[in-house]
Amino acid sequence: MPTGSASARARDPHHNEWTQIGGEASRLRMQTIIRLRWFGVGGQLVTVAGVYWGLGYEFPIGWCLALISLSAWLNVFLRIRYPARHRLNQSFATVLLAYDVLELAALLFFTGGLQNPFAFLLVAPVTVSAATLPARNTIILGALALVAAALLVVWHYPMPWAAGSPIELPILYKLGVFASIAAGMTFLALYAGRLSKESRLMSDALAATEHILAREQRLHALDGLAAAAAHELGTPLATIALVTKELERSASEWPPLQEDIVLLRTQAERCREILRKLTRSPSEQDPHHVSLPVTQLLQEASDPYSRTKIKIEIAAAPATDADPATAEEPIGERRPGVIYGLGNLIENAVDFARDQVTITASWTDREVEVTVADDGPGFSPDIIDTLGEPYVTTRQSGQRLGRSGSEASGLGLGFFIAKTLLERSGAKVSLANRETPERGAVVRVTWTRATFDFRDGTAGGRSLIARPVPPRPVG
């Protein structure tokens, strides 16, 4: 039986009223249940015909052929009504399997009840349910099969046998067969359900791994592009810086352009500094600045955007439910990826804010959380669930940016890179909008305390700074 996967659980393109009304889709396809029933119809027909005409044993063959024909016509109807790839919903699949239990119980009723050696086939529909349906549906089918088996212990036609020598097994033997069916049904259902669950977990893990590998592949491609850009842009940026310095010396002759020339020079220098950071080797990092408290981390990430018209406020304090014994300010490792990721979140908040961006840090003995909130329009509901994927952006072409007044359109790569770098550091990134009547977007970055805290091999992870700082404006 197909156990399904993350991709196989997608909505069937041939959905109809059963999938629309009957609830969640199961992992049982129409084609599978039809083939199983055809196998059962063929086996039942051969067995009935062999016993009646081959062995010459008497039993109500008319009723038996009617039940087998009903199953065959049901298969024909289902094959015409639904496409082969149609995936049954849970309720409809349970009804079809319940029919199989009742049809087999009726055949056993006319052919000797639990004395019939084929009585153990009552466990087959329950096993199929255990492999493809939730536990509650399997329990319902198992209860139905056990009730049918219990009734067949007492009420049934005589078992087909040679004329003149009818056979009737003791009641104790029938109860033993009933116990065998109950035990076999329980074991096979648990075994099939366990195998199905492990298969689903493996499929989900494989799908998640493929998704992560795809993200890493895209990020590595961007790493190569960044290195190429750093190499190619070095010379033109040096030329721009040289020309703007010359223009700045003569800026007094053009007072209206003086501010723009200064802005152009500072932005060119900023670009050169970014390129230097991209090409700097990790071994070049100053060992005396390898760690920093969370407040300094936020200040360093927000510093490039503090000289704007948007006010940036930083606040850091232990959470209200923090243990006083572990209320010391967390000290983390100075990781360029984390600083860049937080800086990108702050830059986005500054670009969309109307007046203020609030950056808060809180911590407990279990986790460290950084929140970046602005008072802008907030995230659009249409794309909030897809933000963080490559080439998904909230910036429209020609949007006016508050930092420099320039026009720009987003490629959707900045937030993707920032989110990936933060997740590489062990953080979880979540997006939300402020609750009404407030406006604005909120981005939360959360690390476990063990992931965030810096562990110095010589200091043994000692905390160097213990006092939280009160809220204060940065820009």
Protein backbone atom coordinates (compact mmCIF):
# COMPACT_ATOMS: atom_id res chain seq x y z
CA MET A 1 0.00 0.00 0.00
CA PRO A 2 1.31 3.49 -0.73
CA THR A 3 2.11 5.25 2.46
CA GLY A 4 2.27 8.72 1.00
CA SER A 5 4.68 11.59 1.57
CA ALA A 6 4.70 15.31 2.13
CA SER A 7 4.20 15.94 -1.57
CA ALA A 8 1.64 13.14 -2.01
CA ARG A 9 -0.61 14.71 0.57
CA ALA A 10 -1.25 17.69 -1.67
CA ARG A 11 -4.79 18.39 -2.81
CA ASP A 12 -6.03 16.06 -5.55
CA PRO A 13 -6.61 18.07 -8.77
CA HIS A 14 -9.67 15.92 -9.49
CA HIS A 15 -11.40 16.74 -6.20
CA ASN A 16 -15.18 16.54 -6.00
CA GLU A 17 -17.93 16.68 -3.44
CA TRP A 18 -16.40 13.88 -1.38
CA THR A 19 -13.15 15.75 -0.83
CA GLN A 20 -14.94 19.06 -0.41
CA ILE A 21 -17.42 17.85 2.20
CA GLY A 22 -15.91 14.70 3.66
CA GLY A 23 -12.91 16.22 5.33
CA GLU A 24 -9.21 15.63 5.09
CA ALA A 25 -7.86 13.40 2.33
CA SER A 26 -6.44 10.01 3.27
CA ARG A 27 -3.44 8.23 1.80
CA LEU A 28 -5.69 5.65 0.11
CA ARG A 29 -6.20 6.10 -3.62
CA MET A 30 -9.34 5.00 -5.42
CA GLN A 31 -7.28 2.89 -7.80
CA THR A 32 -5.77 0.94 -4.90
CA ILE A 33 -9.05 0.08 -3.20
CA ILE A 34 -10.65 -0.89 -6.52
CA ARG A 35 -7.79 -3.24 -7.35
CA LEU A 36 -7.94 -4.84 -3.90
CA ARG A 37 -11.68 -5.38 -4.24
CA TRP A 38 -11.29 -6.91 -7.71
CA PHE A 39 -8.76 -9.30 -6.19
CA GLY A 40 -11.27 -10.17 -3.47
CA VAL A 41 -14.14 -10.60 -5.95
CA GLY A 42 -12.03 -12.94 -8.08
CA GLY A 43 -10.95 -15.03 -5.09
CA GLN A 44 -14.47 -15.25 -3.69
CA LEU A 45 -15.94 -16.26 -7.06
CA VAL A 46 -13.34 -19.00 -7.61
CA THR A 47 -13.80 -20.33 -4.07
CA VAL A 48 -17.61 -20.38 -4.21
CA ALA A 49 -17.67 -22.00 -7.64
CA GLY A 50 -15.04 -24.60 -6.65
CA VAL A 51 -16.86 -25.62 -3.47
CA TYR A 52 -20.35 -25.71 -5.02
CA TRP A 53 -19.64 -27.25 -8.44
CA GLY A 54 -16.21 -28.77 -7.92
CA LEU A 55 -16.77 -30.47 -4.57
CA GLY A 56 -20.52 -30.67 -4.83
CA TYR A 57 -21.21 -29.17 -1.40
CA GLU A 58 -24.60 -27.55 -0.86
CA PHE A 59 -24.98 -23.98 0.46
CA PRO A 60 -27.02 -20.84 -0.52
CA ILE A 61 -24.99 -20.12 -3.64
CA GLY A 62 -27.56 -17.63 -4.93
CA TRP A 63 -27.05 -15.30 -1.99
CA CYS A 64 -23.29 -15.67 -2.24
CA LEU A 65 -23.22 -14.84 -5.97
CA ALA A 66 -25.50 -11.85 -5.29
CA LEU A 67 -23.08 -10.47 -2.70
CA ILE A 68 -20.09 -11.00 -5.01
CA SER A 69 -21.95 -9.32 -7.89
CA LEU A 70 -22.79 -6.36 -5.65
CA SER A 71 -19.08 -5.86 -4.93
CA ALA A 72 -18.27 -6.10 -8.64
CA TRP A 73 -20.93 -3.53 -9.59
CA LEU A 74 -19.72 -1.23 -6.80
CA ASN A 75 -16.24 -1.38 -8.33
CA VAL A 76 -17.62 -0.57 -11.78
CA PHE A 77 -19.53 2.43 -10.38
CA LEU A 78 -16.51 3.77 -8.52
CA ARG A 79 -14.27 3.33 -11.57
CA ILE A 80 -16.69 5.30 -13.75
CA ARG A 81 -17.52 7.95 -11.15
CA TYR A 82 -13.98 8.78 -9.98
CA PRO A 83 -10.61 9.02 -11.74
CA ALA A 84 -7.99 6.42 -10.85
CA ARG A 85 -5.74 9.04 -9.21
CA HIS A 86 -8.52 10.28 -6.94
CA ARG A 87 -7.44 10.24 -3.30
CA LEU A 88 -10.24 9.26 -0.94
CA ASN A 89 -11.04 11.37 2.06
CA GLN A 90 -10.99 9.65 5.42
CA SER A 91 -14.76 9.29 5.86
CA PHE A 92 -15.37 7.87 2.39
CA ALA A 93 -12.46 5.43 2.70
CA THR A 94 -13.79 4.23 6.05
CA VAL A 95 -17.25 3.63 4.55
CA LEU A 96 -15.81 1.58 1.66
CA LEU A 97 -13.67 -0.54 4.00
CA ALA A 98 -16.66 -1.03 6.33
CA TYR A 99 -18.62 -2.34 3.32
CA ASP A 100 -15.84 -4.86 2.67
CA VAL A 101 -16.06 -6.07 6.28
CA LEU A 102 -19.83 -6.48 6.09
CA GLU A 103 -19.74 -8.17 2.66
CA LEU A 104 -17.17 -10.72 3.85
CA ALA A 105 -19.13 -11.29 7.09
CA ALA A 106 -22.30 -11.95 5.04
CA LEU A 107 -20.46 -14.50 2.86
CA LEU A 108 -19.17 -16.23 6.02
CA PHE A 109 -22.71 -16.24 7.43
CA PHE A 110 -23.91 -18.34 4.44
CA THR A 111 -20.85 -20.61 4.48
CA GLY A 112 -20.35 -21.77 8.05
CA GLY A 113 -19.43 -18.68 10.07
CA LEU A 114 -16.11 -18.86 11.93
CA GLN A 115 -15.85 -22.55 11.01
CA ASN A 116 -15.01 -21.39 7.50
CA PRO A 117 -11.18 -21.45 7.07
CA PHE A 118 -11.36 -18.08 5.27
CA ALA A 119 -12.77 -16.31 8.35
CA PHE A 120 -9.36 -14.81 9.12
CA LEU A 121 -9.73 -12.54 6.06
CA LEU A 122 -11.87 -10.27 8.26
CA VAL A 123 -8.60 -8.68 9.38
CA ALA A 124 -7.71 -7.51 5.82
CA PRO A 125 -9.83 -4.30 5.65
CA VAL A 126 -8.70 -3.34 9.19
CA THR A 127 -5.03 -3.76 8.19
CA VAL A 128 -5.56 -1.57 5.11
CA SER A 129 -7.14 1.07 7.36
CA ALA A 130 -4.23 0.92 9.81
CA ALA A 131 -1.78 1.64 6.99
CA THR A 132 -3.71 4.51 5.40
CA LEU A 133 -6.21 6.04 7.86
CA PRO A 134 -6.04 7.66 11.32
CA ALA A 135 -6.23 5.49 14.42
CA ARG A 136 -9.83 6.45 15.24
CA ASN A 137 -11.04 5.16 11.84
CA THR A 138 -9.11 1.92 12.30
CA ILE A 139 -10.61 1.44 15.77
CA ILE A 140 -14.11 1.86 14.34
CA LEU A 141 -13.46 -0.71 11.60
CA GLY A 142 -11.81 -3.09 14.08
CA ALA A 143 -14.81 -2.86 16.39
CA LEU A 144 -17.15 -3.53 13.47
CA ALA A 145 -15.13 -6.59 12.39
CA LEU A 146 -15.04 -7.98 15.95
CA VAL A 147 -18.80 -7.53 16.39
CA ALA A 148 -19.39 -9.33 13.08
CA ALA A 149 -17.03 -12.15 14.13
CA ALA A 150 -18.76 -12.47 17.53
CA LEU A 151 -22.16 -12.80 15.85
CA LEU A 152 -20.79 -15.44 13.47
CA VAL A 153 -19.81 -17.58 16.47
CA VAL A 154 -23.50 -18.19 17.17
CA TRP A 155 -25.51 -17.36 14.03
CA HIS A 156 -24.56 -18.87 10.68
CA TYR A 157 -25.60 -21.45 8.10
CA PRO A 158 -24.04 -24.92 8.37
CA MET A 159 -20.58 -25.14 6.90
CA PRO A 160 -20.64 -26.69 3.38
CA TRP A 161 -19.71 -30.35 3.69
CA ALA A 162 -20.37 -33.72 2.14
CA ALA A 163 -24.07 -34.73 2.03
CA GLY A 164 -25.16 -36.94 4.91
CA SER A 165 -22.26 -35.97 7.18
CA PRO A 166 -22.76 -32.37 8.37
CA ILE A 167 -20.02 -30.89 10.49
CA GLU A 168 -20.45 -28.64 13.54
CA LEU A 169 -17.38 -27.68 15.51
CA PRO A 170 -17.56 -27.17 19.31
CA ILE A 171 -18.35 -23.71 20.61
CA LEU A 172 -14.99 -23.62 22.40
CA TYR A 173 -13.20 -24.05 19.06
CA LYS A 174 -15.24 -21.21 17.55
CA LEU A 175 -14.33 -18.96 20.47
CA GLY A 176 -10.70 -19.88 19.88
CA VAL A 177 -11.03 -18.82 16.24
CA PHE A 178 -12.64 -15.57 17.39
CA ALA A 179 -9.73 -14.94 19.78
CA SER A 180 -7.28 -15.71 16.97
CA ILE A 181 -9.00 -13.18 14.70
CA ALA A 182 -8.99 -10.53 17.47
CA ALA A 183 -5.30 -11.10 18.27
CA GLY A 184 -4.25 -11.19 14.62
CA MET A 185 -6.27 -8.07 13.84
CA THR A 186 -4.68 -6.15 16.73
CA PHE A 187 -1.14 -7.25 15.88
CA LEU A 188 -1.41 -6.57 12.14
CA ALA A 189 -3.11 -3.20 12.70
CA LEU A 190 -0.41 -2.04 15.14
CA TYR A 191 2.37 -3.35 12.91
CA ALA A 192 0.97 -1.78 9.71
CA GLY A 193 0.25 1.48 11.52
CA ARG A 194 3.78 1.64 12.93
CA LEU A 195 5.37 0.95 9.56
CA SER A 196 3.16 3.57 7.93
CA LYS A 197 4.07 6.16 10.57
CA GLU A 198 7.80 5.50 10.20
CA SER A 199 7.49 5.75 6.43
CA ARG A 200 5.69 9.09 6.72
CA LEU A 201 8.31 10.41 9.12
CA MET A 202 11.09 9.36 6.77
CA SER A 203 9.30 10.98 3.82
CA ASP A 204 8.75 14.20 5.75
CA ALA A 205 12.37 14.22 6.88
CA LEU A 206 13.54 13.67 3.31
CA ALA A 207 11.32 16.48 2.05
CA ALA A 208 12.62 18.82 4.78
CA THR A 209 16.21 17.86 4.00
CA GLU A 210 15.70 18.50 0.30
CA HIS A 211 14.19 21.91 1.14
CA ILE A 212 17.15 22.83 3.36
CA LEU A 213 19.65 21.63 0.76
CA ALA A 214 17.90 23.71 -1.90
CA ARG A 215 18.12 26.80 0.34
CA GLU A 216 21.80 26.12 1.04
CA GLN A 217 22.49 25.68 -2.66
CA ARG A 218 20.85 29.01 -3.44
CA LEU A 219 22.82 30.70 -0.64
CA HIS A 220 26.13 29.22 -1.85
CA ALA A 221 25.32 30.53 -5.32
CA LEU A 222 24.79 33.96 -3.79
CA ASP A 223 28.10 33.60 -1.91
CA GLY A 224 29.84 33.19 -5.26
CA LEU A 225 28.01 36.19 -6.67
CA ALA A 226 29.02 38.25 -3.63
CA ALA A 227 32.69 37.33 -4.08
CA ALA A 228 32.51 38.20 -7.77
CA ALA A 229 30.75 41.49 -6.99
CA ALA A 230 33.37 42.37 -4.36
CA HIS A 231 36.12 41.79 -6.91
CA GLU A 232 34.45 43.63 -9.80
CA LEU A 233 33.09 46.59 -7.83
CA GLY A 234 36.32 47.47 -6.03
CA THR A 235 37.82 49.55 -8.86
CA PRO A 236 34.69 51.51 -9.88
CA LEU A 237 33.91 52.31 -6.23
CA ALA A 238 37.46 53.62 -5.74
CA THR A 239 36.97 55.81 -8.81
CA ILE A 240 33.63 57.09 -7.49
CA ALA A 241 35.19 57.89 -4.12
CA LEU A 242 38.04 59.79 -5.81
CA VAL A 243 35.70 61.81 -8.04
CA THR A 244 33.33 62.67 -5.18
CA LYS A 245 36.26 63.92 -3.07
CA GLU A 246 37.28 66.20 -5.93
CA LEU A 247 33.70 67.40 -6.29
CA GLU A 248 33.45 67.99 -2.55
CA ARG A 249 36.44 70.35 -2.69
CA SER A 250 34.55 72.43 -5.26
CA ALA A 251 31.15 71.98 -3.65
CA SER A 252 31.11 75.59 -2.45
CA GLU A 253 30.53 76.64 -6.05
CA TRP A 254 27.28 74.63 -6.17
CA PRO A 255 25.55 75.06 -2.79
CA PRO A 256 22.33 73.20 -3.85
CA LEU A 257 24.41 70.09 -4.71
CA GLN A 258 26.74 70.15 -1.73
CA GLU A 259 24.56 67.92 0.46
CA ASP A 260 24.07 65.40 -2.35
CA ILE A 261 27.81 65.23 -3.05
CA VAL A 262 28.54 64.53 0.62
CA LEU A 263 25.83 61.86 0.64
CA LEU A 264 27.28 60.28 -2.49
CA ARG A 265 30.75 60.10 -0.95
CA THR A 266 29.54 58.59 2.34
CA GLN A 267 27.48 55.99 0.51
CA ALA A 268 30.46 55.05 -1.68
CA GLU A 269 32.62 54.65 1.41
CA ARG A 270 29.91 52.52 2.98
CA CYS A 271 29.86 50.27 -0.09
CA ARG A 272 33.65 49.87 0.08
CA GLU A 273 33.41 48.96 3.77
CA ILE A 274 30.74 46.34 3.01
CA LEU A 275 32.98 44.82 0.33
CA ARG A 276 35.88 44.72 2.78
CA LYS A 277 33.70 42.85 5.28
CA LEU A 278 32.64 40.36 2.59
CA THR A 279 36.23 39.58 1.64
CA ARG A 280 37.72 39.62 5.15
CA SER A 281 39.01 36.28 6.39
CA PRO A 282 37.62 35.01 9.72
CA SER A 283 41.20 34.69 11.02
CA GLU A 284 41.60 38.47 10.72
CA GLN A 285 39.08 39.10 13.50
CA ASP A 286 40.45 40.81 16.60
CA PRO A 287 40.57 38.22 19.41
CA HIS A 288 39.81 40.93 21.98
CA HIS A 289 36.48 41.61 20.28
CA VAL A 290 35.41 38.03 19.64
CA SER A 291 32.44 38.37 22.04
CA LEU A 292 29.96 41.10 22.87
CA PRO A 293 26.81 41.53 24.99
CA VAL A 294 23.45 41.51 23.29
CA THR A 295 23.01 45.28 23.77
CA GLN A 296 26.26 46.03 21.99
CA LEU A 297 25.28 43.57 19.27
CA LEU A 298 22.09 45.53 18.61
CA GLN A 299 23.93 48.86 18.70
CA GLU A 300 26.52 47.64 16.22
CA ALA A 301 23.86 46.25 13.89
CA SER A 302 21.79 49.44 14.01
CA ASP A 303 24.63 51.98 13.91
CA PRO A 304 24.74 52.37 10.09
CA TYR A 305 21.06 53.42 10.13
CA SER A 306 21.15 55.74 13.16
CA ARG A 307 21.86 58.87 11.09
CA THR A 308 18.42 59.02 9.51
CA LYS A 309 15.21 60.86 10.20
CA ILE A 310 13.78 57.66 11.72
CA LYS A 311 14.28 57.37 15.48
CA ILE A 312 15.81 54.04 16.55
CA GLU A 313 15.24 53.02 20.16
CA ILE A 314 17.03 50.07 21.77
CA ALA A 315 15.86 48.44 25.01
CA ALA A 316 17.30 45.37 26.71
CA ALA A 317 16.21 43.71 29.94
CA PRO A 318 15.49 40.26 31.37
CA ALA A 319 12.05 38.84 30.64
CA THR A 320 9.43 39.21 33.32
CA ASP A 321 9.46 35.47 34.01
CA ALA A 322 13.28 35.23 34.06
CA ASP A 323 15.00 33.63 37.02
CA PRO A 324 16.79 36.40 39.01
CA ALA A 325 19.78 34.10 39.39
CA THR A 326 20.22 34.00 35.59
CA ALA A 327 19.26 37.59 34.81
CA GLU A 328 22.73 38.51 33.57
CA GLU A 329 22.87 40.01 30.11
CA PRO A 330 23.77 37.33 27.54
CA ILE A 331 27.16 37.58 25.88
CA GLY A 332 27.35 36.13 22.41
CA GLU A 333 30.03 35.52 19.83
CA ARG A 334 30.71 38.31 17.34
CA ARG A 335 29.49 36.64 14.18
CA PRO A 336 29.39 38.76 11.02
CA GLY A 337 26.46 36.73 9.71
CA VAL A 338 24.35 37.56 12.77
CA ILE A 339 25.30 41.26 12.65
CA TYR A 340 24.50 41.42 8.94
CA GLY A 341 21.20 39.57 9.41
CA LEU A 342 20.03 41.84 12.22
CA GLY A 343 21.25 44.88 10.30
CA ASN A 344 19.17 43.89 7.29
CA LEU A 345 16.06 43.53 9.47
CA ILE A 346 16.72 46.95 10.99
CA GLU A 347 17.33 48.49 7.56
CA ASN A 348 14.00 47.15 6.30
CA ALA A 349 12.25 48.51 9.39
CA VAL A 350 13.86 51.95 8.90
CA ASP A 351 12.86 52.01 5.22
CA PHE A 352 9.19 51.35 5.98
CA ALA A 353 8.81 53.15 9.33
CA ARG A 354 7.02 56.48 9.58
CA ASP A 355 8.71 57.83 12.73
CA GLN A 356 10.28 55.16 14.91
CA VAL A 357 11.86 51.69 15.00
CA THR A 358 11.96 49.86 18.34
CA ILE A 359 14.54 47.15 18.95
CA THR A 360 14.09 45.15 22.13
CA ALA A 361 16.06 42.28 23.61
CA SER A 362 14.80 40.04 26.39
CA TRP A 363 16.20 36.87 27.86
CA THR A 364 15.58 34.08 30.29
CA ASP A 365 17.74 31.17 31.39
CA ARG A 366 16.38 29.24 28.39
CA GLU A 367 16.34 31.66 25.44
CA VAL A 368 17.29 35.06 24.05
CA GLU A 369 14.80 37.00 21.92
CA VAL A 370 15.39 40.09 19.78
CA THR A 371 12.38 41.98 18.37
CA VAL A 372 12.53 44.60 15.61
CA ALA A 373 9.28 46.58 15.29
CA ASP A 374 8.37 49.60 13.18
CA ASP A 375 5.34 51.86 12.88
CA GLY A 376 4.97 51.52 9.12
CA PRO A 377 2.27 49.82 7.03
CA GLY A 378 3.18 46.29 8.20
CA PHE A 379 3.48 43.12 6.16
CA SER A 380 0.99 42.47 3.40
CA PRO A 381 -1.19 39.43 4.22
CA ASP A 382 -0.63 38.20 0.65
CA ILE A 383 3.10 37.63 1.07
CA ILE A 384 3.77 37.35 4.81
CA ASP A 385 3.80 33.54 4.56
CA THR A 386 6.31 33.54 1.68
CA LEU A 387 8.70 36.25 2.88
CA GLY A 388 12.13 34.76 3.33
CA GLU A 389 12.06 32.91 0.03
CA PRO A 390 14.31 34.17 -2.79
CA TYR A 391 12.87 36.90 -5.02
CA VAL A 392 9.88 37.57 -2.75
CA THR A 393 9.87 41.27 -1.82
CA THR A 394 7.60 43.93 -0.37
CA ARG A 395 9.34 46.73 -2.27
CA GLN A 396 7.69 47.92 -5.44
CA SER A 397 9.55 49.42 -8.36
CA GLY A 398 10.18 53.09 -7.81
CA GLN A 399 9.34 53.03 -4.10
CA ARG A 400 10.60 56.08 -2.18
CA LEU A 401 12.98 55.09 0.60
CA GLY A 402 13.07 57.15 3.77
CA ARG A 403 16.81 56.76 4.41
CA SER A 404 18.18 58.60 1.37
CA GLY A 405 15.14 59.53 -0.68
CA SER A 406 16.36 57.45 -3.60
CA GLU A 407 14.21 55.23 -5.74
CA ALA A 408 14.75 51.50 -5.55
CA SER A 409 13.03 48.21 -6.24
CA GLY A 410 13.66 45.12 -4.15
CA LEU A 411 14.97 41.85 -5.55
CA GLY A 412 13.78 39.84 -2.55
CA LEU A 413 17.29 38.55 -1.76
CA GLY A 414 18.24 40.70 1.22
CA PHE A 415 15.70 39.26 3.63
CA PHE A 416 16.31 35.74 2.29
CA ILE A 417 20.05 36.04 2.96
CA ALA A 418 19.49 37.64 6.39
CA LYS A 419 16.99 34.97 7.43
CA THR A 420 19.25 32.15 6.24
CA LEU A 421 22.29 33.58 8.04
CA LEU A 422 20.34 33.98 11.28
CA GLU A 423 18.96 30.45 11.01
CA ARG A 424 22.49 29.18 10.42
CA SER A 425 23.40 30.67 13.81
CA GLY A 426 20.64 28.59 15.42
CA ALA A 427 17.95 31.29 15.52
CA LYS A 428 14.28 31.04 14.67
CA VAL A 429 12.84 33.97 12.68
CA SER A 430 9.12 34.77 12.78
CA LEU A 431 7.11 37.57 11.19
CA ALA A 432 3.91 39.25 12.35
CA ASN A 433 1.99 42.51 12.28
CA ARG A 434 1.17 44.59 15.32
CA GLU A 435 -2.28 44.10 16.74
CA THR A 436 -4.80 46.81 15.96
CA PRO A 437 -5.09 49.72 16.64
CA GLU A 438 -1.29 49.79 16.36
CA ARG A 439 0.35 49.65 12.95
CA GLY A 440 3.62 48.18 11.81
CA ALA A 441 5.61 45.02 11.29
CA VAL A 442 7.27 42.87 13.96
CA VAL A 443 10.18 40.49 13.35
CA ARG A 444 11.24 38.18 16.19
CA VAL A 445 14.60 36.41 16.27
CA THR A 446 14.93 33.77 18.99
CA TRP A 447 17.96 31.73 20.07
CA THR A 448 18.20 29.16 22.80
CA ARG A 449 20.46 30.39 25.56
CA ALA A 450 22.94 27.56 24.94
CA THR A 451 23.14 28.52 21.26
CA PHE A 452 23.59 32.25 21.83
CA ASP A 453 25.96 32.33 24.80
CA PHE A 454 29.64 32.66 23.93
CA ARG A 455 31.80 29.85 25.28
CA ASP A 456 35.46 30.84 25.64
CA GLY A 457 37.74 27.87 25.96
CA THR A 458 39.97 29.69 28.48
CA ALA A 459 37.32 31.55 30.44
CA GLY A 460 34.91 28.64 30.68
CA GLY A 461 31.98 30.67 29.40
CA ARG A 462 32.18 33.27 32.21
CA SER A 463 29.80 36.21 31.97
CA LEU A 464 31.72 39.49 31.61
CA ILE A 465 28.89 42.02 31.77
CA ALA A 466 25.93 41.56 34.05
CA ARG A 467 23.80 44.69 34.08
CA PRO A 468 20.96 45.27 31.61
CA VAL A 469 20.69 48.75 30.16
CA PRO A 470 17.58 50.93 30.28
CA PRO A 471 15.81 51.98 27.08
CA ARG A 472 17.54 54.82 25.29
CA PRO A 473 17.23 56.47 21.87
CA VAL A 474 19.97 55.86 19.33
CA GLY A 475 18.90 58.21 16.54
